[in-house]
Amino acid sequence: MLKIKDRITLGAISALLSQGPFRCLNALEHRMGLTDIKYSEMESSIFLPDNKVTIKEGRIISMFTNSVASGIGGIMLTYILSITGKDHPIIKGGGFGALLWVLMYGVAPKLGILKKSKKPMSLIYSFFDHVAIGAICGYLITIIGDDSLFPNHQEDK
C-alpha cells in the first residue's frame, strides 16, 4: 500500500476524509432539532452576514471554509502525532478534537468571531462530534501515513 510521506498532505487528506461523516452527523442532528447551528452556517458567518449564509454562495463559502479549517486541524494533528508517536492515535485525536471544540465554542464566540448556540445541548452534541472527527482523523493519519513520519517509540518497550 502506498503511504503518504509528506506531513502537510497527510494531514489535509486525513482531515478531508474525516469530515464527511462529521458533516452528515451534524446535518442529521440539525434535521432532528437536536442542535440549532449547522457547522456550515456557522463557518460561513465568519465572512457573511447572517441573512446570506444559507444562500447558494454562502453554502459554497461554507464548504471552502470547512475544508480549509479541517485541513489545518488535520495538519496540526499530524505534527502532534509526528512529535509524540503514533501510539494511541484515537485518544490523541479525540483530545485534539476536544481542544478545537473549546476554541470554537468557548473562545471564538466570546471574541465575537462565531455566533453562539441558543440550545445548550448543541454544545454537547458538538463536543462529541469534534472528539469523533479528531479520533477518526488521528486513526487515518497513522494508517495512511508513512512510518518514517513518526518516532519509533514502540521499539523501546
Protein backbone atom coordinates (compact mmCIF):
# COMPACT_ATOMS: atom_id res chain seq x y z
CA MET A 1 0.00 0.00 0.00
CA LEU A 2 1.26 3.44 -0.94
CA LYS A 3 1.80 5.57 2.16
CA ILE A 4 1.89 9.37 2.28
CA LYS A 5 5.32 10.73 3.24
CA ASP A 6 4.51 14.45 3.46
CA ARG A 7 3.01 15.67 6.75
CA ILE A 8 1.01 18.52 5.25
CA THR A 9 -0.51 16.37 2.53
CA LEU A 10 -1.19 13.59 5.03
CA GLY A 11 -2.94 15.92 7.48
CA ALA A 12 -5.05 17.60 4.82
CA ILE A 13 -6.16 14.35 3.20
CA SER A 14 -6.91 12.67 6.53
CA ALA A 15 -8.99 15.64 7.65
CA LEU A 16 -10.91 15.85 4.40
CA LEU A 17 -11.71 12.12 4.58
CA SER A 18 -12.78 12.52 8.21
CA GLN A 19 -15.09 15.45 7.66
CA GLY A 20 -17.63 13.52 5.57
CA PRO A 21 -19.16 11.60 8.47
CA PHE A 22 -18.82 14.73 10.61
CA ARG A 23 -20.91 16.84 8.21
CA CYS A 24 -23.56 14.10 7.86
CA LEU A 25 -23.83 13.72 11.62
CA ASN A 26 -24.30 17.46 12.13
CA ALA A 27 -26.91 17.64 9.35
CA LEU A 28 -28.82 14.77 11.00
CA GLU A 29 -28.63 16.42 14.43
CA HIS A 30 -29.91 19.68 12.92
CA ARG A 31 -32.70 17.96 10.97
CA MET A 32 -33.83 16.18 14.15
CA GLY A 33 -33.90 19.51 16.02
CA LEU A 34 -31.17 18.45 18.43
CA THR A 35 -28.98 21.41 17.51
CA ASP A 36 -29.77 24.86 16.22
CA ILE A 37 -26.50 25.55 14.42
CA LYS A 38 -25.22 23.80 11.34
CA TYR A 39 -21.44 23.90 11.19
CA SER A 40 -21.64 25.09 7.61
CA GLU A 41 -23.75 28.11 8.56
CA MET A 42 -21.52 28.91 11.50
CA GLU A 43 -18.41 28.84 9.33
CA SER A 44 -19.79 31.00 6.54
CA SER A 45 -21.00 33.51 9.15
CA ILE A 46 -17.33 34.41 9.62
CA PHE A 47 -17.42 36.01 6.17
CA LEU A 48 -21.09 36.79 5.51
CA PRO A 49 -23.98 38.47 7.30
CA ASP A 50 -26.46 36.02 8.88
CA ASN A 51 -29.07 36.54 6.15
CA LYS A 52 -26.62 35.36 3.46
CA VAL A 53 -25.24 32.14 4.98
CA THR A 54 -27.98 29.86 3.64
CA ILE A 55 -27.97 31.07 0.03
CA LYS A 56 -26.08 29.14 -2.65
CA GLU A 57 -22.98 31.34 -2.46
CA GLY A 58 -22.98 31.11 1.34
CA ARG A 59 -23.02 27.32 1.15
CA ILE A 60 -20.09 27.38 -1.29
CA ILE A 61 -18.11 29.67 1.03
CA SER A 62 -19.02 27.36 3.88
CA MET A 63 -17.71 24.32 2.01
CA PHE A 64 -14.38 26.07 1.38
CA THR A 65 -14.15 27.35 4.95
CA ASN A 66 -14.93 23.93 6.42
CA SER A 67 -12.41 22.21 4.16
CA VAL A 68 -9.66 24.70 4.96
CA ALA A 69 -10.34 24.62 8.71
CA SER A 70 -10.47 20.81 8.73
CA GLY A 71 -7.30 20.59 6.67
CA ILE A 72 -5.43 22.89 9.03
CA GLY A 73 -6.63 20.84 12.01
CA GLY A 74 -5.51 17.63 10.28
CA ILE A 75 -2.09 19.10 9.57
CA MET A 76 -1.73 20.17 13.19
CA LEU A 77 -2.75 16.72 14.39
CA THR A 78 -0.25 15.12 12.00
CA TYR A 79 2.54 17.17 13.55
CA ILE A 80 1.35 16.29 17.06
CA LEU A 81 1.46 12.58 16.20
CA SER A 82 4.84 13.05 14.49
CA ILE A 83 6.23 14.51 17.69
CA THR A 84 4.56 12.23 20.22
CA GLY A 85 4.41 8.99 18.23
CA LYS A 86 1.57 7.18 16.56
CA ASP A 87 0.59 5.12 19.59
CA HIS A 88 -2.97 5.82 20.83
CA PRO A 89 -3.98 7.92 17.79
CA ILE A 90 -7.68 7.72 18.63
CA ILE A 91 -7.14 9.14 22.12
CA LYS A 92 -4.73 11.83 20.91
CA GLY A 93 -7.02 12.74 18.02
CA GLY A 94 -10.07 12.86 20.26
CA GLY A 95 -8.22 15.08 22.71
CA PHE A 96 -7.19 17.39 19.90
CA GLY A 97 -10.81 17.49 18.69
CA ALA A 98 -11.88 18.46 22.22
CA LEU A 99 -9.31 21.28 22.22
CA LEU A 100 -10.66 22.59 18.91
CA TRP A 101 -14.18 22.42 20.34
CA VAL A 102 -13.12 24.61 23.28
CA LEU A 103 -11.61 27.13 20.89
CA MET A 104 -14.58 27.15 18.51
CA TYR A 105 -17.39 27.13 21.06
CA GLY A 106 -15.76 28.75 24.05
CA VAL A 107 -13.18 31.25 22.86
CA ALA A 108 -14.44 32.25 19.39
CA PRO A 109 -17.98 33.25 20.49
CA LYS A 110 -16.58 35.28 23.39
CA LEU A 111 -14.42 37.17 20.89
CA GLY A 112 -17.44 37.71 18.63
CA ILE A 113 -15.93 35.64 15.81
CA LEU A 114 -18.63 32.93 15.74
CA LYS A 115 -22.24 33.06 16.83
CA LYS A 116 -23.38 31.26 19.97
CA SER A 117 -25.87 28.43 20.02
CA LYS A 118 -29.17 29.06 21.75
CA LYS A 119 -29.50 25.40 22.75
CA PRO A 120 -27.14 24.13 25.46
CA MET A 121 -27.45 20.57 24.09
CA SER A 122 -26.00 21.82 20.79
CA LEU A 123 -22.73 22.32 22.59
CA ILE A 124 -22.78 18.79 23.97
CA TYR A 125 -23.53 17.23 20.58
CA SER A 126 -20.85 19.39 19.02
CA PHE A 127 -18.34 18.27 21.64
CA PHE A 128 -18.90 14.62 20.80
CA ASP A 129 -18.78 15.41 17.06
CA HIS A 130 -15.41 17.12 17.46
CA VAL A 131 -14.00 14.31 19.57
CA ALA A 132 -15.22 11.77 16.99
CA ILE A 133 -13.74 13.58 13.98
CA GLY A 134 -10.45 14.06 15.83
CA ALA A 135 -10.34 10.36 16.69
CA ILE A 136 -11.13 9.34 13.10
CA CYS A 137 -8.56 11.77 11.71
CA GLY A 138 -5.89 10.57 14.15
CA TYR A 139 -6.54 6.98 13.19
CA LEU A 140 -6.42 7.77 9.45
CA ILE A 141 -3.15 9.65 9.86
CA THR A 142 -1.48 6.59 11.34
CA ILE A 143 -2.98 4.24 8.73
CA ILE A 144 -2.17 6.18 5.55
CA GLY A 145 0.96 7.95 6.81
CA ASP A 146 4.40 6.52 6.20
CA ASP A 147 6.07 5.12 9.34
CA SER A 148 9.09 7.37 8.75
CA LEU A 149 6.97 10.37 9.81
CA PHE A 150 6.57 9.08 13.36
CA PRO A 151 9.16 8.46 16.08
CA ASN A 152 9.72 4.81 16.80
CA HIS A 153 8.50 4.70 20.42
CA GLN A 154 7.25 1.11 20.17
CA GLU A 155 10.74 -0.42 19.89
CA ASP A 156 11.75 0.99 23.27
CA LYS A 157 9.18 -1.21 25.05
